[in-house]
Amino acid sequence: MPRLHDRADEFRPLWVHMDYNLFEELLWSAPLEVVGKGRLGGVLVHPCALGVPIVRTTTAYAQPAQCFLPVHERLAQQVQSCASLPVAFNNALIECYSNAYATMGFHSDQAQDLE
């Protein structure tokens, strides 16, 4: 039986077990650009036969979206499995924060996500 949607699940921490630390590999897996004080970011997509997915973001990126690489595929599959999601990821935002951006916490960049 498919898992039922529960709004309480929309923002929750997940622990994804990996055999090694992915940080360095992910950091260099796609070109990132400065998108704010202490913040680097980029857009990843997984095109399919229907085309390239639309990515919803309020950030204006200078670089085009990059296609998923094997490291992104593995991580997306791990998160999908860990979260019991019925649908695979077809896009992602990748961001890296420095100590200059110290107030991150759990958040959404979209106000409508919090309503």
N, C-alpha and C. Protein backbone atom coordinates (compact mmCIF):
# COMPACT_ATOMS: atom_id res chain seq x y z
N MET A 1 0.84 -1.18 0.00
CA MET A 1 0.00 0.00 0.00
C MET A 1 0.89 1.25 0.00
N PRO A 2 0.61 2.22 -0.88
CA PRO A 2 1.43 3.43 -0.92
C PRO A 2 1.32 4.23 0.37
N ARG A 3 2.39 4.87 0.71
CA ARG A 3 2.41 5.72 1.90
C ARG A 3 1.53 6.95 1.66
N LEU A 4 0.72 7.31 2.65
CA LEU A 4 -0.14 8.48 2.53
C LEU A 4 0.63 9.75 2.85
N HIS A 5 0.27 10.81 2.16
CA HIS A 5 0.92 12.10 2.39
C HIS A 5 0.51 12.64 3.75
N ASP A 6 1.47 13.15 4.47
CA ASP A 6 1.24 13.77 5.77
C ASP A 6 2.05 15.06 5.79
N ARG A 7 1.36 16.20 6.01
CA ARG A 7 2.06 17.50 6.00
C ARG A 7 3.21 17.54 7.00
N ALA A 8 3.10 16.76 8.06
CA ALA A 8 4.18 16.73 9.06
C ALA A 8 5.48 16.19 8.47
N ASP A 9 5.39 15.45 7.37
CA ASP A 9 6.57 14.87 6.72
C ASP A 9 7.26 15.84 5.77
N GLU A 10 6.65 16.98 5.46
CA GLU A 10 7.20 17.86 4.44
C GLU A 10 8.56 18.43 4.80
N PHE A 11 8.78 18.75 6.04
CA PHE A 11 10.07 19.26 6.48
C PHE A 11 10.53 18.39 7.64
N ARG A 12 11.45 17.51 7.36
CA ARG A 12 11.95 16.61 8.40
C ARG A 12 13.38 16.24 8.06
N PRO A 13 14.19 16.03 9.08
CA PRO A 13 15.57 15.60 8.81
C PRO A 13 15.59 14.12 8.44
N LEU A 14 16.47 13.77 7.53
CA LEU A 14 16.68 12.37 7.14
C LEU A 14 18.16 12.05 7.29
N TRP A 15 18.46 10.86 7.72
CA TRP A 15 19.84 10.40 7.80
C TRP A 15 20.03 9.35 6.72
N VAL A 16 20.85 9.68 5.75
CA VAL A 16 21.13 8.78 4.63
C VAL A 16 22.50 8.16 4.87
N HIS A 17 22.53 6.85 4.99
CA HIS A 17 23.80 6.16 5.23
C HIS A 17 24.58 6.03 3.93
N MET A 18 25.80 6.51 3.94
CA MET A 18 26.72 6.35 2.81
C MET A 18 28.01 5.77 3.37
N ASP A 19 28.74 5.07 2.53
CA ASP A 19 29.98 4.44 2.96
C ASP A 19 31.15 5.42 3.06
N TYR A 20 30.96 6.64 2.57
CA TYR A 20 32.03 7.64 2.61
C TYR A 20 31.39 9.02 2.68
N ASN A 21 32.19 10.03 2.99
CA ASN A 21 31.72 11.40 3.08
C ASN A 21 31.58 11.97 1.67
N LEU A 22 30.37 12.33 1.29
CA LEU A 22 30.08 12.82 -0.06
C LEU A 22 30.42 14.29 -0.28
N PHE A 23 30.72 15.02 0.78
CA PHE A 23 30.81 16.47 0.67
C PHE A 23 31.74 16.93 -0.45
N GLU A 24 32.97 16.47 -0.44
CA GLU A 24 33.94 16.94 -1.45
C GLU A 24 33.49 16.56 -2.86
N GLU A 25 33.00 15.34 -3.03
CA GLU A 25 32.56 14.91 -4.36
C GLU A 25 31.40 15.77 -4.85
N LEU A 26 30.44 16.05 -3.97
CA LEU A 26 29.30 16.88 -4.36
C LEU A 26 29.73 18.32 -4.62
N LEU A 27 30.64 18.83 -3.80
CA LEU A 27 31.10 20.21 -3.95
C LEU A 27 31.69 20.45 -5.34
N TRP A 28 32.40 19.48 -5.87
CA TRP A 28 33.05 19.64 -7.17
C TRP A 28 32.28 18.96 -8.31
N SER A 29 31.07 18.49 -8.05
CA SER A 29 30.30 17.74 -9.05
C SER A 29 29.58 18.63 -10.06
N ALA A 30 29.44 19.89 -9.76
CA ALA A 30 28.74 20.81 -10.67
C ALA A 30 29.31 22.21 -10.45
N PRO A 31 29.31 23.03 -11.49
CA PRO A 31 29.79 24.40 -11.31
C PRO A 31 28.83 25.16 -10.40
N LEU A 32 29.38 25.75 -9.35
CA LEU A 32 28.58 26.55 -8.42
C LEU A 32 28.95 28.01 -8.60
N GLU A 33 27.98 28.87 -8.40
CA GLU A 33 28.24 30.31 -8.51
C GLU A 33 27.84 31.00 -7.22
N VAL A 34 28.40 32.16 -6.99
CA VAL A 34 28.05 32.95 -5.81
C VAL A 34 26.62 33.43 -5.98
N VAL A 35 25.77 33.08 -5.03
CA VAL A 35 24.36 33.48 -5.09
C VAL A 35 23.94 34.29 -3.86
N GLY A 36 24.90 34.67 -3.06
CA GLY A 36 24.62 35.47 -1.87
C GLY A 36 25.81 35.44 -0.95
N LYS A 37 25.74 36.23 0.11
CA LYS A 37 26.83 36.28 1.08
C LYS A 37 27.03 34.90 1.70
N GLY A 38 28.22 34.33 1.50
CA GLY A 38 28.53 33.03 2.09
C GLY A 38 27.80 31.86 1.47
N ARG A 39 27.30 32.03 0.26
CA ARG A 39 26.45 30.99 -0.34
C ARG A 39 26.82 30.76 -1.81
N LEU A 40 27.13 29.50 -2.15
CA LEU A 40 27.34 29.07 -3.53
C LEU A 40 26.17 28.19 -3.92
N GLY A 41 25.75 28.24 -5.18
CA GLY A 41 24.62 27.41 -5.57
C GLY A 41 24.62 27.07 -7.04
N GLY A 42 23.79 26.09 -7.37
CA GLY A 42 23.60 25.66 -8.74
C GLY A 42 22.34 24.82 -8.87
N VAL A 43 21.94 24.57 -10.10
CA VAL A 43 20.73 23.81 -10.39
C VAL A 43 21.12 22.53 -11.12
N LEU A 44 20.53 21.42 -10.68
CA LEU A 44 20.74 20.11 -11.31
C LEU A 44 19.42 19.60 -11.85
N VAL A 45 19.45 18.98 -13.02
CA VAL A 45 18.24 18.40 -13.60
C VAL A 45 18.53 17.00 -14.12
N HIS A 46 17.47 16.22 -14.20
CA HIS A 46 17.55 14.86 -14.75
C HIS A 46 16.57 14.80 -15.93
N PRO A 47 17.03 15.18 -17.13
CA PRO A 47 16.14 15.16 -18.29
C PRO A 47 15.65 13.74 -18.59
N CYS A 48 14.49 13.66 -19.23
CA CYS A 48 13.94 12.37 -19.64
C CYS A 48 13.37 12.52 -21.04
N ALA A 49 12.67 11.51 -21.52
CA ALA A 49 12.11 11.54 -22.87
C ALA A 49 11.12 12.69 -23.06
N LEU A 50 10.52 13.15 -21.96
CA LEU A 50 9.54 14.24 -22.04
C LEU A 50 10.19 15.62 -22.04
N GLY A 51 11.49 15.68 -21.74
CA GLY A 51 12.18 16.96 -21.75
C GLY A 51 12.93 17.22 -20.46
N VAL A 52 13.19 18.49 -20.21
CA VAL A 52 13.94 18.92 -19.03
C VAL A 52 12.94 19.44 -18.00
N PRO A 53 13.05 18.98 -16.75
CA PRO A 53 12.10 19.44 -15.73
C PRO A 53 12.25 20.93 -15.43
N ILE A 54 11.15 21.53 -15.02
CA ILE A 54 11.15 22.93 -14.58
C ILE A 54 11.58 22.95 -13.12
N VAL A 55 12.47 23.85 -12.78
CA VAL A 55 12.96 23.97 -11.41
C VAL A 55 12.43 25.28 -10.83
N ARG A 56 11.76 25.18 -9.70
CA ARG A 56 11.20 26.37 -9.04
C ARG A 56 12.22 26.92 -8.05
N THR A 57 12.67 28.12 -8.30
CA THR A 57 13.62 28.77 -7.40
C THR A 57 13.46 30.28 -7.51
N THR A 58 13.74 30.96 -6.43
CA THR A 58 13.68 32.43 -6.45
C THR A 58 15.05 33.03 -6.75
N THR A 59 16.07 32.20 -6.87
CA THR A 59 17.43 32.68 -7.15
C THR A 59 17.63 32.81 -8.65
N ALA A 60 18.23 33.91 -9.08
CA ALA A 60 18.56 34.10 -10.49
C ALA A 60 19.97 33.57 -10.72
N TYR A 61 20.07 32.46 -11.43
CA TYR A 61 21.37 31.85 -11.72
C TYR A 61 21.88 32.33 -13.07
N ALA A 62 23.18 32.58 -13.18
CA ALA A 62 23.79 32.98 -14.44
C ALA A 62 24.10 31.75 -15.30
N GLN A 63 24.41 30.63 -14.65
CA GLN A 63 24.77 29.41 -15.37
C GLN A 63 23.53 28.55 -15.62
N PRO A 64 23.52 27.82 -16.73
CA PRO A 64 22.39 26.92 -16.99
C PRO A 64 22.40 25.72 -16.04
N ALA A 65 21.27 25.07 -15.94
CA ALA A 65 21.18 23.86 -15.12
C ALA A 65 22.13 22.80 -15.66
N GLN A 66 22.69 22.01 -14.76
CA GLN A 66 23.59 20.92 -15.12
C GLN A 66 22.85 19.60 -14.96
N CYS A 67 23.18 18.63 -15.79
CA CYS A 67 22.54 17.31 -15.70
C CYS A 67 23.08 16.52 -14.51
N PHE A 68 22.21 15.69 -13.92
CA PHE A 68 22.62 14.80 -12.84
C PHE A 68 23.82 13.97 -13.30
N LEU A 69 24.78 13.80 -12.44
CA LEU A 69 25.89 12.88 -12.63
C LEU A 69 25.62 11.64 -11.78
N PRO A 70 26.40 10.58 -11.93
CA PRO A 70 26.16 9.38 -11.12
C PRO A 70 26.11 9.65 -9.61
N VAL A 71 26.93 10.56 -9.10
CA VAL A 71 26.89 10.86 -7.66
C VAL A 71 25.54 11.44 -7.26
N HIS A 72 24.94 12.27 -8.12
CA HIS A 72 23.63 12.85 -7.82
C HIS A 72 22.55 11.77 -7.89
N GLU A 73 22.67 10.89 -8.88
CA GLU A 73 21.72 9.77 -9.02
C GLU A 73 21.73 8.90 -7.77
N ARG A 74 22.92 8.54 -7.31
CA ARG A 74 23.02 7.68 -6.11
C ARG A 74 22.41 8.36 -4.89
N LEU A 75 22.74 9.62 -4.70
CA LEU A 75 22.21 10.34 -3.54
C LEU A 75 20.69 10.48 -3.64
N ALA A 76 20.19 10.82 -4.82
CA ALA A 76 18.73 10.96 -5.01
C ALA A 76 18.02 9.63 -4.72
N GLN A 77 18.59 8.52 -5.18
CA GLN A 77 17.99 7.22 -4.92
C GLN A 77 18.02 6.88 -3.43
N GLN A 78 19.11 7.23 -2.76
CA GLN A 78 19.21 6.98 -1.31
C GLN A 78 18.16 7.80 -0.55
N VAL A 79 18.01 9.06 -0.89
CA VAL A 79 17.02 9.91 -0.22
C VAL A 79 15.61 9.40 -0.51
N GLN A 80 15.35 9.06 -1.76
CA GLN A 80 14.03 8.53 -2.13
C GLN A 80 13.70 7.29 -1.31
N SER A 81 14.65 6.40 -1.19
CA SER A 81 14.44 5.17 -0.42
C SER A 81 14.26 5.47 1.06
N CYS A 82 15.13 6.29 1.62
CA CYS A 82 15.09 6.63 3.05
C CYS A 82 13.77 7.32 3.42
N ALA A 83 13.27 8.18 2.54
CA ALA A 83 12.06 8.94 2.81
C ALA A 83 10.79 8.23 2.34
N SER A 84 10.95 7.04 1.75
CA SER A 84 9.81 6.28 1.22
C SER A 84 9.00 7.10 0.22
N LEU A 85 9.69 7.77 -0.68
CA LEU A 85 9.01 8.60 -1.68
C LEU A 85 8.61 7.74 -2.88
N PRO A 86 7.39 7.89 -3.39
CA PRO A 86 6.94 7.07 -4.51
C PRO A 86 7.47 7.53 -5.87
N VAL A 87 8.01 8.74 -5.95
CA VAL A 87 8.45 9.32 -7.22
C VAL A 87 9.93 9.70 -7.11
N ALA A 88 10.66 9.46 -8.18
CA ALA A 88 12.10 9.78 -8.20
C ALA A 88 12.30 11.29 -8.38
N PHE A 89 13.44 11.77 -7.93
CA PHE A 89 13.81 13.17 -8.12
C PHE A 89 14.18 13.41 -9.58
N ASN A 90 13.77 14.56 -10.13
CA ASN A 90 14.20 14.92 -11.48
C ASN A 90 14.90 16.28 -11.51
N ASN A 91 15.06 16.90 -10.33
CA ASN A 91 15.80 18.16 -10.24
C ASN A 91 16.27 18.35 -8.81
N ALA A 92 17.24 19.22 -8.65
CA ALA A 92 17.74 19.52 -7.31
C ALA A 92 18.46 20.87 -7.34
N LEU A 93 18.46 21.52 -6.20
CA LEU A 93 19.29 22.70 -6.01
C LEU A 93 20.46 22.26 -5.15
N ILE A 94 21.66 22.62 -5.55
CA ILE A 94 22.85 22.26 -4.79
C ILE A 94 23.43 23.56 -4.24
N GLU A 95 23.67 23.59 -2.93
CA GLU A 95 24.17 24.80 -2.30
C GLU A 95 25.25 24.46 -1.29
N CYS A 96 26.18 25.37 -1.13
CA CYS A 96 27.24 25.24 -0.13
C CYS A 96 27.32 26.56 0.61
N TYR A 97 27.28 26.47 1.93
CA TYR A 97 27.29 27.66 2.77
C TYR A 97 28.61 27.75 3.54
N SER A 98 29.15 28.95 3.62
CA SER A 98 30.36 29.18 4.43
C SER A 98 29.95 29.71 5.80
N ASN A 99 30.93 29.96 6.65
CA ASN A 99 30.64 30.53 7.97
C ASN A 99 30.07 31.94 7.89
N ALA A 100 30.20 32.59 6.74
CA ALA A 100 29.64 33.93 6.58
C ALA A 100 28.11 33.90 6.57
N TYR A 101 27.55 32.73 6.36
CA TYR A 101 26.09 32.55 6.36
C TYR A 101 25.78 31.60 7.50
N ALA A 102 25.66 32.13 8.70
CA ALA A 102 25.60 31.30 9.91
C ALA A 102 24.21 31.05 10.46
N THR A 103 23.15 31.56 9.82
CA THR A 103 21.81 31.42 10.39
C THR A 103 20.91 30.51 9.57
N MET A 104 21.46 29.52 8.90
CA MET A 104 20.72 28.67 7.98
C MET A 104 19.56 27.93 8.65
N GLY A 105 19.83 26.92 9.45
CA GLY A 105 18.77 26.12 10.06
C GLY A 105 17.93 25.41 9.00
N PHE A 106 16.84 24.76 9.41
CA PHE A 106 15.89 24.17 8.47
C PHE A 106 15.05 25.31 7.93
N HIS A 107 14.88 25.38 6.62
CA HIS A 107 14.11 26.48 6.06
C HIS A 107 13.62 26.13 4.67
N SER A 108 12.74 26.97 4.16
CA SER A 108 12.31 26.90 2.78
C SER A 108 12.48 28.29 2.19
N ASP A 109 12.95 28.34 0.96
CA ASP A 109 13.08 29.63 0.28
C ASP A 109 11.74 30.11 -0.26
N GLN A 110 10.74 29.26 -0.21
CA GLN A 110 9.42 29.57 -0.76
C GLN A 110 8.42 29.78 0.37
N ALA A 111 7.91 30.99 0.53
CA ALA A 111 6.95 31.29 1.60
C ALA A 111 5.71 30.42 1.49
N GLN A 112 5.26 30.11 0.26
CA GLN A 112 4.05 29.30 0.12
C GLN A 112 4.26 27.88 0.63
N ASP A 113 5.49 27.41 0.71
CA ASP A 113 5.75 26.08 1.26
C ASP A 113 5.47 26.03 2.75
N LEU A 114 5.49 27.17 3.40
CA LEU A 114 5.34 27.22 4.85
C LEU A 114 3.91 27.47 5.30
N GLU A 115 3.02 27.72 4.35
CA GLU A 115 1.61 27.99 4.70
C GLU A 115 0.87 26.72 5.04
